[in-house]
Protein backbone atom coordinates (compact mmCIF):
# COMPACT_ATOMS: atom_id res chain seq x y z
CA UNK A 1 99.78 50.76 143.36
CA UNK A 2 99.61 49.58 146.96
CA UNK A 3 101.61 47.42 148.47
CA UNK A 4 101.00 43.46 147.32
CA UNK A 5 103.64 42.22 149.08
CA UNK A 6 102.00 41.00 152.23
CA UNK A 7 98.72 38.68 151.59
CA UNK A 8 95.65 40.43 152.62
CA UNK A 9 93.91 38.29 155.48
CA UNK A 10 90.09 36.64 154.78
CA UNK A 11 88.42 39.06 156.81
CA UNK A 12 89.54 41.98 154.71
CA UNK A 13 88.14 40.63 151.20
CA UNK A 14 85.33 40.94 149.56
CA UNK A 15 84.49 39.59 146.44
CA UNK A 16 81.18 40.66 144.15
CA UNK A 17 80.19 40.74 140.91
CA UNK A 18 77.63 43.41 138.92
CA UNK A 19 74.80 41.99 137.54
CA UNK A 20 71.94 43.98 135.48
CA UNK A 21 70.39 43.82 132.27
CA UNK A 22 71.96 45.63 129.24
CA UNK A 23 72.75 49.66 129.58
CA UNK A 24 71.58 49.29 133.16
CA UNK A 25 74.96 51.10 133.86
CA UNK A 26 77.24 47.83 135.35
CA UNK A 27 80.22 49.28 133.64
CA UNK A 28 79.90 52.41 134.45
CA UNK A 29 79.00 51.83 137.98
CA UNK A 30 82.13 49.67 138.07
CA UNK A 31 84.23 52.75 136.62
CA UNK A 32 83.40 54.95 139.47
CA UNK A 33 84.25 52.25 141.92
CA UNK A 34 87.58 51.64 140.21
CA UNK A 35 87.73 55.62 140.56
CA UNK A 36 86.55 55.92 143.90
CA UNK A 37 89.29 53.85 145.10
CA UNK A 38 92.20 55.41 143.11
CA UNK A 39 92.43 52.00 141.17
CA UNK A 40 93.49 54.81 137.81
CA UNK A 41 94.79 58.03 138.01
CA UNK A 42 91.97 61.03 136.35
CA UNK A 43 94.19 61.42 133.22
CA UNK A 44 93.98 57.50 133.05
CA UNK A 45 89.93 57.19 133.15
CA UNK A 46 88.15 57.07 130.48
CA UNK A 47 84.46 55.35 129.74
CA UNK A 48 83.92 51.67 130.10
CA UNK A 49 87.64 50.99 131.54
CA UNK A 50 87.24 47.67 131.71
CA UNK A 51 85.46 46.66 128.25
CA UNK A 52 88.80 46.49 126.75
CA UNK A 53 87.86 45.39 123.52
CA UNK A 54 86.94 48.00 120.30
CA UNK A 55 84.18 46.39 119.65
CA UNK A 56 82.58 46.32 123.28
CA UNK A 57 83.27 50.38 123.26
CA UNK A 58 81.35 51.28 119.60
CA UNK A 59 78.45 48.36 120.36
CA UNK A 60 78.29 50.14 124.28
CA UNK A 61 77.88 46.60 125.67
CA UNK A 62 80.61 44.17 127.75
CA UNK A 63 80.82 40.98 126.17
CA UNK A 64 83.91 39.45 128.49
CA UNK A 65 83.90 39.32 131.79
CA UNK A 66 86.22 41.25 133.45
CA UNK A 67 87.94 41.87 136.78
CA UNK A 68 89.88 44.33 138.79
CA UNK A 69 91.41 44.04 142.56
CA UNK A 70 90.71 47.46 144.66
CA UNK A 71 92.07 48.78 147.31
CA UNK A 72 89.98 50.90 149.77
CA UNK A 73 90.13 52.36 153.35
CA UNK A 74 86.89 52.19 155.02
CA UNK A 75 85.57 55.10 157.18
CA UNK A 76 86.36 52.42 160.05
CA UNK A 77 90.14 53.51 159.42
CA UNK A 78 90.56 49.44 158.03
CA UNK A 79 91.99 48.47 154.57
CA UNK A 80 89.52 46.16 152.27
CA UNK A 81 90.35 44.46 149.31
CA UNK A 82 87.62 44.29 146.98
CA UNK A 83 87.84 42.01 143.76
CA UNK A 84 85.26 43.48 141.54
CA UNK A 85 83.74 41.61 138.10
CA UNK A 86 81.80 43.42 135.85
CA UNK A 87 79.70 40.94 133.83
CA UNK A 88 77.65 40.99 130.41
CA UNK A 89 74.04 41.35 130.17
CA UNK A 90 72.87 40.14 126.67
CA UNK A 91 71.35 36.75 126.89
CA UNK A 92 74.11 35.44 124.56
CA UNK A 93 76.66 35.57 127.23
CA UNK A 94 75.07 34.14 129.80
CA UNK A 95 77.94 31.73 130.13
CA UNK A 96 80.61 35.03 131.12
CA UNK A 97 78.14 35.59 133.96
CA UNK A 98 77.49 32.07 135.41
CA UNK A 99 81.52 31.83 135.52
CA UNK A 100 82.12 35.41 137.05
CA UNK A 101 79.51 34.27 139.83
CA UNK A 102 80.73 31.67 140.37
CA UNK A 103 84.20 33.01 141.36
CA UNK A 104 82.41 35.09 143.88
CA UNK A 105 80.46 35.37 147.37
CA UNK A 106 78.35 38.36 146.13
CA UNK A 107 76.63 40.15 143.80
CA UNK A 108 75.40 43.86 143.84
CA UNK A 109 72.17 43.88 141.56
CA UNK A 110 71.99 46.76 139.25
CA UNK A 111 68.56 48.03 138.69
CA UNK A 112 67.89 51.06 135.91
CA UNK A 113 65.22 53.61 138.24
CA UNK A 114 63.40 54.90 134.95
CA UNK A 115 63.58 51.53 133.63
CA UNK A 116 62.92 48.47 136.18
CA UNK A 117 63.02 44.88 136.42
CA UNK A 118 63.92 43.58 132.68
CA UNK A 119 64.18 40.08 131.60
CA UNK A 120 68.10 39.43 131.76
CA UNK A 121 67.82 41.20 135.43
CA UNK A 122 65.81 38.07 136.43
CA UNK A 123 67.27 35.64 134.92
CA UNK A 124 71.18 37.01 136.26
CA UNK A 125 69.46 37.37 139.56
CA UNK A 126 68.71 33.84 139.61
CA UNK A 127 71.96 32.77 138.36
CA UNK A 128 73.16 34.80 141.81
CA UNK A 129 70.51 32.74 143.99
CA UNK A 130 71.70 29.34 142.38
CA UNK A 131 75.45 30.62 143.65
CA UNK A 132 74.12 31.22 147.33
CA UNK A 133 75.06 34.77 146.87
CA UNK A 134 74.45 37.34 149.05
CA UNK A 135 72.45 40.04 146.80
CA UNK A 136 72.46 44.12 147.74
CA UNK A 137 70.13 45.99 145.06
CA UNK A 138 71.05 48.95 143.30
CA UNK A 139 68.98 51.42 142.11
CA UNK A 140 71.02 53.51 139.28
CA UNK A 141 70.08 56.49 137.40
CA UNK A 142 68.58 58.15 140.25
CA UNK A 143 69.59 61.89 138.61
CA UNK A 144 67.36 61.30 135.83
CA UNK A 145 64.19 63.04 135.91
CA UNK A 146 61.78 59.93 134.48
CA UNK A 147 63.27 57.89 137.39
CA UNK A 148 60.69 56.41 139.96
CA UNK A 149 62.96 54.95 142.66
CA UNK A 150 59.96 53.84 144.85
CA UNK A 151 57.67 51.93 142.13
CA UNK A 152 60.78 50.05 140.88
CA UNK A 153 61.40 49.08 144.72
CA UNK A 154 58.50 47.57 144.97
CA UNK A 155 58.56 45.59 141.70
CA UNK A 156 62.01 44.19 142.60
CA UNK A 157 59.81 42.76 146.08
CA UNK A 158 57.18 41.57 144.03
CA UNK A 159 58.59 40.16 140.92
CA UNK A 160 62.12 39.04 142.60
CA UNK A 161 61.47 38.74 146.21
CA UNK A 162 64.17 40.57 147.31
CA UNK A 163 63.75 42.95 150.54
CA UNK A 164 64.86 46.62 149.24
CA UNK A 165 64.74 48.23 152.68
CA UNK A 166 68.83 48.37 152.32
CA UNK A 167 68.47 49.69 148.26
CA UNK A 168 71.01 51.79 147.27
CA UNK A 169 70.29 54.93 145.57
CA UNK A 170 73.24 55.72 143.08
CA UNK A 171 74.06 57.39 139.76
CA UNK A 172 77.04 55.88 138.52
CA UNK A 173 76.93 58.72 135.83
CA UNK A 174 77.62 61.89 138.10
CA UNK A 175 78.95 59.55 140.80
CA UNK A 176 76.18 60.29 143.18
CA UNK A 177 75.84 57.85 146.12
CA UNK A 178 79.14 55.65 145.18
CA UNK A 179 80.42 56.05 148.65
CA UNK A 180 77.49 54.15 149.91
CA UNK A 181 78.13 51.77 147.65
CA UNK A 182 81.72 51.03 149.26
CA UNK A 183 80.58 50.85 152.66
CA UNK A 184 77.82 48.88 152.10
CA UNK A 185 79.86 46.69 150.68
CA UNK A 186 82.33 46.12 153.84
CA UNK A 187 79.23 45.98 156.10
CA UNK A 188 76.92 43.47 154.47
CA UNK A 189 78.58 41.13 152.16
CA UNK A 190 80.24 38.34 153.98
CA UNK A 191 84.30 37.67 153.36
CA UNK A 192 85.33 34.52 151.58
CA UNK A 193 86.71 31.69 153.14
CA UNK A 194 89.58 29.18 152.90
CA UNK A 195 92.55 27.19 154.56
CA UNK A 196 95.83 28.76 153.68
CA UNK A 197 97.78 25.43 154.98
CA UNK A 198 95.75 23.26 153.02
CA UNK A 199 96.43 21.86 149.26
CA UNK A 200 96.25 23.90 146.65
CA UNK A 201 92.72 24.23 145.25
CA UNK A 202 92.23 27.20 142.61
CA UNK A 203 89.10 27.53 139.95
CA UNK A 204 90.35 28.13 136.79
CA UNK A 205 87.76 31.16 135.95
CA UNK A 206 89.22 32.54 132.16
CA UNK A 207 92.23 32.35 129.77
CA UNK A 208 93.26 34.33 127.08
CA UNK A 209 96.21 34.28 124.75
CA UNK A 210 99.06 37.08 124.74
CA UNK A 211 101.28 37.34 122.37
CA UNK A 212 104.27 37.59 124.46
CA UNK A 213 103.50 35.32 127.85
CA UNK A 214 101.48 33.02 125.45
CA UNK A 215 98.19 31.80 127.82
CA UNK A 216 97.31 33.81 130.35
CA UNK A 217 94.71 31.79 133.11
CA UNK A 218 92.88 33.72 135.70
CA UNK A 219 92.13 32.08 138.95
CA UNK A 220 90.16 32.01 141.75
CA UNK A 221 92.48 30.47 144.91
CA UNK A 222 89.86 27.77 147.18
CA UNK A 223 92.16 26.60 149.76
CA UNK A 224 96.33 26.59 150.00
CA UNK A 225 98.65 29.45 147.95
CA UNK A 226 99.41 29.62 144.38
CA UNK A 227 103.32 31.30 144.19
CA UNK A 228 105.69 31.80 141.56
CA UNK A 229 108.17 28.54 140.72
CA UNK A 230 105.52 26.09 141.66
CA UNK A 231 104.70 23.00 139.64
CA UNK A 232 100.81 23.18 139.04
CA UNK A 233 98.29 20.34 137.84
CA UNK A 234 95.32 20.83 135.62
CA UNK A 235 93.36 18.10 137.05
CA UNK A 236 90.78 17.81 133.86
CA UNK A 237 93.70 17.00 131.87
CA UNK A 238 96.48 15.89 133.72
CA UNK A 239 98.51 18.12 132.45
CA UNK A 240 101.29 20.10 134.49
CA UNK A 241 102.94 23.65 134.07
CA UNK A 242 105.88 25.28 135.90
CA UNK A 243 104.28 28.99 137.48
CA UNK A 244 106.21 31.48 136.02
CA UNK A 245 104.59 34.83 137.01
CA UNK A 246 101.78 35.46 139.39
CA UNK A 247 99.39 39.22 139.49
CA UNK A 248 96.50 41.02 139.91
CA UNK A 249 94.49 43.41 137.82
CA UNK A 250 94.38 47.19 139.44
CA UNK A 251 93.39 47.20 136.37
CA UNK A 252 96.70 47.08 134.84
CA UNK A 253 98.38 43.58 135.67
CA UNK A 254 100.58 44.11 138.87
CA UNK A 255 102.55 41.15 139.77
CA UNK A 256 102.55 39.86 143.11
CA UNK A 257 104.50 37.26 145.33
CA UNK A 258 101.56 34.53 146.00
CA UNK A 259 98.07 34.40 146.15
CA UNK A 260 96.45 33.00 149.05
CA UNK A 261 92.98 32.05 149.59
CA UNK A 262 89.63 34.35 148.47
CA UNK A 263 92.09 35.90 146.48
CA UNK A 264 91.48 36.49 142.31
CA UNK A 265 94.66 36.87 139.92
CA UNK A 266 96.54 35.21 137.14
CA UNK A 267 99.25 33.58 136.71
CA UNK A 268 101.42 32.21 133.23
CA UNK A 269 103.29 29.15 132.51
CA UNK A 270 104.47 28.49 129.50
CA UNK A 271 101.57 27.33 128.39
CA UNK A 272 101.43 26.39 124.67
CA UNK A 273 98.52 23.68 124.14
CA UNK A 274 95.59 25.37 124.27
CA UNK A 275 94.16 22.48 124.58
CA UNK A 276 95.07 22.00 128.37
CA UNK A 277 93.27 24.72 129.69
CA UNK A 278 89.72 24.16 130.31
CA UNK A 279 87.51 26.91 131.89
CA UNK A 280 85.76 25.59 135.18
CA UNK A 281 88.75 23.12 135.92
CA UNK A 282 90.17 22.58 138.89
CA UNK A 283 94.29 23.73 139.27
CA UNK A 284 96.14 22.00 142.28
CA UNK A 285 99.86 21.72 143.35
CA UNK A 286 101.49 18.61 141.55
CA UNK A 287 103.37 16.99 144.74
CA UNK A 288 100.55 17.83 146.50
CA UNK A 289 97.20 17.17 145.07
CA UNK A 290 93.92 18.12 146.36
CA UNK A 291 91.50 15.41 146.95
CA UNK A 292 88.77 16.83 145.23
CA UNK A 293 88.10 18.44 142.38
CA UNK A 294 85.67 21.85 142.13
CA UNK A 295 82.33 21.26 140.56
CA UNK A 296 83.57 23.48 137.88
CA UNK A 297 80.57 24.87 135.72
CA UNK A 298 77.56 23.41 133.32
CA UNK A 299 79.19 23.19 130.44
CA UNK A 300 77.74 25.67 127.75
CA UNK A 301 75.47 24.44 124.95
CA UNK A 302 75.76 25.85 121.46
CA UNK A 303 72.11 26.84 119.91
CA UNK A 304 73.16 28.42 116.77
CA UNK A 305 75.39 26.90 113.93
CA UNK A 306 76.47 28.10 110.61
CA UNK A 307 79.53 27.41 108.72
CA UNK A 308 82.38 30.30 108.19
CA UNK A 309 84.60 30.04 105.02
CA UNK A 310 87.60 31.84 104.20
CA UNK A 311 87.01 33.83 101.11
CA UNK A 312 90.58 33.06 100.27
CA UNK A 313 90.84 29.77 100.06
CA UNK A 314 94.48 30.33 101.19
CA UNK A 315 93.52 31.80 103.90
CA UNK A 316 92.15 28.33 105.74
CA UNK A 317 95.34 27.53 108.20
CA UNK A 318 95.08 31.07 109.42
CA UNK A 319 91.37 30.56 110.14
CA UNK A 320 91.90 27.30 112.15
CA UNK A 321 94.74 29.09 114.18
CA UNK A 322 92.55 32.14 115.20
CA UNK A 323 89.63 29.93 116.01
CA UNK A 324 91.94 27.94 118.57
CA UNK A 325 93.13 31.45 120.17
CA UNK A 326 89.52 32.94 120.27
CA UNK A 327 88.35 29.64 121.46
CA UNK A 328 90.60 30.08 124.39
CA UNK A 329 89.22 33.33 125.24
CA UNK A 330 85.26 32.32 124.59
CA UNK A 331 85.22 28.19 125.24
CA UNK A 332 81.24 29.18 124.44
CA UNK A 333 81.15 28.35 121.09
CA UNK A 334 82.71 25.07 118.94
CA UNK A 335 83.87 24.59 116.06
CA UNK A 336 84.80 21.48 113.31
CA UNK A 337 85.61 21.17 109.61
CA UNK A 338 83.49 21.43 107.13
CA UNK A 339 83.75 21.52 103.25
CA UNK A 340 81.42 22.72 100.95
CA UNK A 341 81.03 22.17 97.18
CA UNK A 342 80.26 26.07 96.68
CA UNK A 343 82.57 27.41 99.72
CA UNK A 344 85.38 24.75 99.68
CA UNK A 345 86.94 24.21 103.25
CA UNK A 346 85.82 26.13 106.27
CA UNK A 347 84.34 25.28 110.13
CA UNK A 348 81.16 24.17 110.96
CA UNK A 349 80.49 26.98 114.03
CA UNK A 350 78.37 26.36 117.23
CA UNK A 351 77.55 29.54 119.42
CA UNK A 352 74.92 30.69 121.99
CA UNK A 353 73.01 32.80 120.11
CA UNK A 354 72.71 35.37 117.11
CA UNK A 355 74.55 38.28 118.63
CA UNK A 356 77.33 35.61 119.40
CA UNK A 357 77.72 34.62 116.29
CA UNK A 358 77.78 38.12 114.81
CA UNK A 359 80.04 39.15 117.63
CA UNK A 360 83.09 35.71 116.81
CA UNK A 361 82.70 36.92 113.33
CA UNK A 362 83.59 40.46 113.78
CA UNK A 363 85.76 39.74 116.17
CA UNK A 364 88.07 37.16 113.51
CA UNK A 365 87.67 40.03 110.66
CA UNK A 366 88.71 42.50 112.96
CA UNK A 367 91.54 40.53 115.71
CA UNK A 368 93.14 37.90 112.76
CA UNK A 369 92.14 40.07 109.35
CA UNK A 370 90.23 37.38 108.02
CA UNK A 371 87.58 37.59 104.86
CA UNK A 372 84.83 35.33 105.58
CA UNK A 373 81.59 34.00 104.36
CA UNK A 374 79.14 33.65 106.66
CA UNK A 375 76.12 30.60 105.85
CA UNK A 376 72.70 31.24 106.92
CA UNK A 377 72.55 30.15 110.51
CA UNK A 378 71.01 26.82 111.67
CA UNK A 379 69.87 24.94 114.70
CA UNK A 380 70.31 21.32 115.95
CA UNK A 381 67.67 19.08 114.59
CA UNK A 382 67.30 15.16 116.09
CA UNK A 383 66.17 12.93 113.25
CA UNK A 384 64.77 9.54 113.49
CA UNK A 385 65.55 7.50 110.89
CA UNK A 386 63.13 4.56 109.25
CA UNK A 387 65.79 2.07 110.37
CA UNK A 388 65.61 3.33 114.69
CA UNK A 389 69.27 5.24 114.10
CA UNK A 390 69.12 8.78 115.40
CA UNK A 391 70.87 11.31 113.80
CA UNK A 392 71.49 15.16 115.60
CA UNK A 393 71.98 17.44 111.96
CA UNK A 394 73.57 20.54 112.35
CA UNK A 395 73.79 21.35 108.68
CA UNK A 396 70.90 21.21 106.73
CA UNK A 397 72.75 20.23 103.78
CA UNK A 398 73.29 16.88 105.27
CA UNK A 399 69.63 15.99 105.76
CA UNK A 400 68.98 12.48 104.57
CA UNK A 401 66.61 11.44 101.62
CA UNK A 402 62.92 12.33 102.88
CA UNK A 403 62.04 8.57 102.28
CA UNK A 404 64.44 7.27 104.56
CA UNK A 405 63.21 9.73 107.65
CA UNK A 406 60.37 8.16 109.98
CA UNK A 407 60.32 11.58 111.93
CA UNK A 408 62.29 14.82 113.08
CA UNK A 409 62.49 16.25 116.13
CA UNK A 410 63.41 20.57 116.51
CA UNK A 411 64.56 22.70 119.54
CA UNK A 412 61.70 24.56 121.90
CA UNK A 413 62.78 27.16 123.86
CA UNK A 414 60.76 28.88 126.82
CA UNK A 415 60.81 32.77 126.42
CA UNK A 416 60.22 35.34 129.08
CA UNK A 417 59.34 38.99 127.25
CA UNK A 418 58.86 41.75 129.82
CA UNK A 419 56.76 43.86 128.01
CA UNK A 420 54.68 47.21 128.58
CA UNK A 421 51.14 46.89 128.52
CA UNK A 422 50.20 48.90 125.47
CA UNK A 423 52.73 46.84 123.59
CA UNK A 424 51.15 42.95 124.57
CA UNK A 425 48.32 42.86 121.15
CA UNK A 426 51.34 43.40 118.51
CA UNK A 427 53.60 40.96 121.20
CA UNK A 428 51.52 38.10 121.36
CA UNK A 429 50.57 38.13 117.09
CA UNK A 430 54.49 37.72 116.53
CA UNK A 431 54.58 34.52 119.12
CA UNK A 432 51.81 33.69 117.33
CA UNK A 433 52.97 33.68 113.93
CA UNK A 434 55.83 31.75 115.41
CA UNK A 435 53.98 29.17 115.91
CA UNK A 436 54.27 29.84 119.75
CA UNK A 437 52.53 28.45 122.62
CA UNK A 438 51.79 30.68 125.48
CA UNK A 439 52.30 29.35 128.88
CA UNK A 440 51.93 32.39 131.44
CA UNK A 441 50.35 35.74 131.05
CA UNK A 442 51.15 37.71 134.65
CA UNK A 443 50.83 41.42 134.91
CA UNK A 444 53.30 43.14 136.72
CA UNK A 445 52.63 46.72 137.46
CA UNK A 446 52.71 48.57 134.32
CA UNK A 447 54.22 45.57 132.49
CA UNK A 448 52.78 42.36 131.09
CA UNK A 449 55.39 38.63 132.00
CA UNK A 450 54.98 36.55 129.22
CA UNK A 451 55.93 32.99 128.75
CA UNK A 452 56.03 31.10 125.65
CA UNK A 453 57.33 28.05 124.44
CA UNK A 454 58.70 28.74 120.88
CA UNK A 455 60.25 26.63 118.26
CA UNK A 456 64.42 27.97 118.12
CA UNK A 457 64.41 28.02 114.56
CA UNK A 458 61.84 30.88 114.23
CA UNK A 459 63.75 32.48 116.68
CA UNK A 460 67.22 32.25 114.54
CA UNK A 461 65.46 34.31 111.75
CA UNK A 462 64.99 37.85 112.39
CA UNK A 463 62.66 37.28 115.79
CA UNK A 464 64.93 39.68 117.99
CA UNK A 465 64.44 42.50 116.08
CA UNK A 466 60.84 42.45 114.94
CA UNK A 467 60.02 41.80 118.51
CA UNK A 468 61.96 45.11 119.45
CA UNK A 469 60.33 47.04 116.40
CA UNK A 470 56.88 46.10 117.26
CA UNK A 471 57.78 47.12 121.53
CA UNK A 472 59.75 50.53 120.11
CA UNK A 473 62.66 48.82 121.90
CA UNK A 474 60.49 48.47 125.48
CA UNK A 475 60.25 44.31 125.43
CA UNK A 476 62.88 42.89 126.31
CA UNK A 477 63.84 39.01 126.08
CA UNK A 478 65.57 36.00 128.15
CA UNK A 479 65.06 32.41 126.87
CA UNK A 480 66.51 28.70 127.84
CA UNK A 481 66.36 25.63 126.06
CA UNK A 482 63.39 23.24 126.64
CA UNK A 483 62.85 20.07 124.93
CA UNK A 484 63.03 18.82 121.27
CA UNK A 485 59.52 18.35 120.02
CA UNK A 486 58.30 16.13 116.52
CA UNK A 487 57.76 19.28 114.02
CA UNK A 488 56.48 19.06 110.61
CA UNK A 489 59.36 20.28 108.74
CA UNK A 490 61.12 19.89 105.26
CA UNK A 491 64.49 21.36 103.41
CA UNK A 492 64.38 24.04 100.84
CA UNK A 493 67.41 24.01 98.80
CA UNK A 494 68.32 27.02 96.61
CA UNK A 495 69.31 26.45 92.77
CA UNK A 496 71.11 28.95 91.13
CA UNK A 497 70.65 28.04 87.25
CA UNK A 498 70.13 24.66 88.22
CA UNK A 499 73.30 24.03 90.21
CA UNK A 500 72.37 23.70 94.13
CA UNK A 501 74.24 26.34 96.43
CA UNK A 502 74.21 23.97 99.85
CA UNK A 503 75.43 26.97 101.87
CA UNK A 504 71.94 28.45 100.93
CA UNK A 505 70.09 25.66 101.84
CA UNK A 506 67.88 25.82 105.20
CA UNK A 507 65.16 23.76 107.41
CA UNK A 508 61.79 25.25 107.73
CA UNK A 509 57.62 24.27 108.89
CA UNK A 510 56.05 23.13 106.08
CA UNK A 511 53.21 26.20 106.54
CA UNK A 512 56.05 28.87 106.16
CA UNK A 513 58.27 27.11 103.54
CA UNK A 514 56.48 28.56 100.20
CA UNK A 515 56.48 31.84 101.70
CA UNK A 516 59.99 31.72 102.99
CA UNK A 517 61.28 30.52 99.59
CA UNK A 518 59.46 33.02 97.80
CA UNK A 519 60.70 35.64 100.28
CA UNK A 520 64.43 34.31 99.25
CA UNK A 521 64.65 33.93 95.75
CA UNK A 522 63.02 37.29 95.30
CA UNK A 523 66.11 38.55 98.18
CA UNK A 524 68.89 37.06 95.94
CA UNK A 525 67.32 38.21 92.80
CA UNK A 526 67.92 42.01 94.52
CA UNK A 527 71.07 40.74 95.97
CA UNK A 528 72.86 38.94 92.49
CA UNK A 529 74.41 41.36 89.88
CA UNK A 530 72.97 41.16 86.01
CA UNK A 531 75.22 38.94 84.20
CA UNK A 532 75.33 38.83 80.21
CA UNK A 533 73.18 35.84 80.37
CA UNK A 534 69.79 34.98 82.46
CA UNK A 535 70.27 33.88 85.91
CA UNK A 536 67.30 31.40 87.35
CA UNK A 537 66.89 31.31 91.01
CA UNK A 538 64.73 28.28 92.46
CA UNK A 539 63.71 27.21 95.82
CA UNK A 540 63.10 23.56 96.01
CA UNK A 541 61.66 21.38 98.25
CA UNK A 542 62.89 17.74 97.20
CA UNK A 543 62.30 17.67 93.98
CA UNK A 544 59.36 20.22 93.60
CA UNK A 545 60.27 23.65 92.95
CA UNK A 546 58.09 26.03 95.24
CA UNK A 547 58.84 29.59 93.92
CA UNK A 548 61.29 31.05 90.90
CA UNK A 549 62.61 34.34 90.04
CA UNK A 550 65.18 35.43 87.04
CA UNK A 551 67.31 37.88 87.16
CA UNK A 552 67.31 39.27 82.90
CA UNK A 553 70.37 39.56 81.14
CA UNK A 554 72.48 42.72 80.52
CA UNK A 555 71.44 43.37 77.17
CA UNK A 556 73.95 44.75 74.79
CA UNK A 557 72.92 46.98 71.98
CA UNK A 558 74.42 45.31 69.14
CA UNK A 559 72.52 47.49 66.30
CA UNK A 560 73.98 50.74 67.39
CA UNK A 561 76.36 51.50 64.82
CA UNK A 562 73.67 50.23 62.12
CA UNK A 563 72.80 54.03 60.47
CA UNK A 564 69.68 53.07 58.90
CA UNK A 565 69.88 50.72 56.37
CA UNK A 566 68.10 46.95 55.43
CA UNK A 567 66.60 45.57 58.19
CA UNK A 568 67.82 42.38 57.47
CA UNK A 569 71.41 43.55 58.75
CA UNK A 570 69.95 44.21 62.18
CA UNK A 571 68.29 40.95 62.28
CA UNK A 572 71.13 38.82 61.71
CA UNK A 573 73.34 40.77 64.46
CA UNK A 574 70.98 40.21 67.27
CA UNK A 575 70.27 36.32 65.91
CA UNK A 576 74.25 36.09 66.59
CA UNK A 577 73.92 37.64 69.99
CA UNK A 578 71.56 35.29 70.86
CA UNK A 579 73.81 32.19 69.94
CA UNK A 580 76.41 33.38 72.15
CA UNK A 581 74.18 34.02 74.87
CA UNK A 582 72.98 30.40 74.66
CA UNK A 583 76.74 29.27 74.69
CA UNK A 584 77.34 31.54 78.09
CA UNK A 585 74.61 30.64 79.61
CA UNK A 586 76.22 26.70 79.53
CA UNK A 587 79.56 27.21 80.55
CA UNK A 588 78.50 30.76 82.90
CA UNK A 589 79.32 30.82 86.99
CA UNK A 590 77.80 33.08 88.99
CA UNK A 591 79.17 34.99 91.09
CA UNK A 592 77.16 34.92 94.28
CA UNK A 593 77.95 37.67 96.65
CA UNK A 594 78.57 37.85 100.86
CA UNK A 595 75.36 39.37 101.50
CA UNK A 596 73.48 36.93 99.74
CA UNK A 597 74.28 34.27 102.00
CA UNK A 598 73.38 36.43 104.70
CA UNK A 599 69.80 37.67 103.30
CA UNK A 600 68.26 33.82 104.90
CA UNK A 601 68.40 35.97 108.15
CA UNK A 602 66.61 38.81 107.10
CA UNK A 603 63.53 37.54 105.48
CA UNK A 604 60.09 38.93 106.84
CA UNK A 605 57.47 36.65 107.01
CA UNK A 606 54.83 39.77 106.43
């Protein structure tokens, strides 16, 4: 596993992260580098070794940024320490990427030699440039017959402006060119800087909950030394702890005596309070603190909100504990207590996007065995009242009366879409239908780069799925929050048998309101099971019903036992049934299945 008794000198350390678009081969390249450096024996090797969650493996995506320390003996005879950080590619996990970049000095930019530059490639490279990173372009998948390295090189130069004369050609799958990547890391990337004799200054990069050790914290040491037995202080919360264990990931946890400048590792300190560990905080020595904290990270801003309620109300406490533990591992979502007339006690949670919502929901169900009901996602609106007061609205059910509202502002995003020329028409049509405003249209090689301003609540519905289907999966999409703009918005309430279901209410633009209300009523008609009585499903704007569907009653044949005879006998039985159904309708409550709450997501506009 290597000798970690001695602290490595700064010259021999290289810290780098791997950034790329989804599916361009970040995790596979990380696998090959771990293998080449002997981090794991061949029998321990598996695909996507750093993707530790079952969910990551199943979906083939990285959700959590992972770190690993490797020892590499270079061709020049010296041994180097490589700290590698594998990052997610999806837009919803940009927060993970920015954290990883803050902990490193350089980046490997991986581009698929058959696909070229995608939207996320651009977004992640710009993040790396903002962090003053030294960037090495790596062209992956050169073993594919469809790869065009020379064309992709010129594309990188044209779109990003990086020099590709030293770009590396690799195939992470076959292992071709991995040696040249390792040698280039040593020769081209700068070592970290730091002073071991200065007071301790460490960046808190990540934290997670271990059932045996309590809270584990991942740190990048900038100055000073972190060792066992030391008393450290979190500068943000002023909480102090005794360090119990210090170690590094190789990729298995390995204990070390101390961590010095430039190193990335973990420590434990019997930390019980989750609130004390805030990502981006500066950790220092309690006795000899540093004067200036590190700048930290930009706080993540949730853009999509939805309600999470336990199916069994007795699981409310479990849900709260689970959210607390997950928040430690992924601080980019937030939650607050919420009550609903239809669903009881639960939480209003904010996420960075729809995939993020889906992942958190799945992790809660898998890792903590919870049965959850998720309400339809919504975004944050700014409501200006006639009294001059400004309200931020997370939940459509809390919207004030229309008479009190002066104007409503909704969030808009700036979307970057990269798409092959032949799909340009349908994409423009889709953006137009979603009230998009074109900002820029540029031709890059055989592709078009579109920049659009689109309202966020139009994206929250099924925009991403539709984008992928009209472009046959070739379009890539990235967005950033732009501004709040006044909009002609209305709240649609859904009534089932005259009872409002607050969890299904949503806000939409006036022009789409009736079509969306009708689509949801039709969808609910399919999803709610039939009862012995009629069920009326209505969509209303204020006091006006704009759409209605009726689920017909299950009709029991009460006359089946009448063999022939007088018709009055049959009529009497049918009249009796009618009276019974009337009574049922008065007292009948309707069970709405979980799938119905997500129906609002899937409504198609065509």
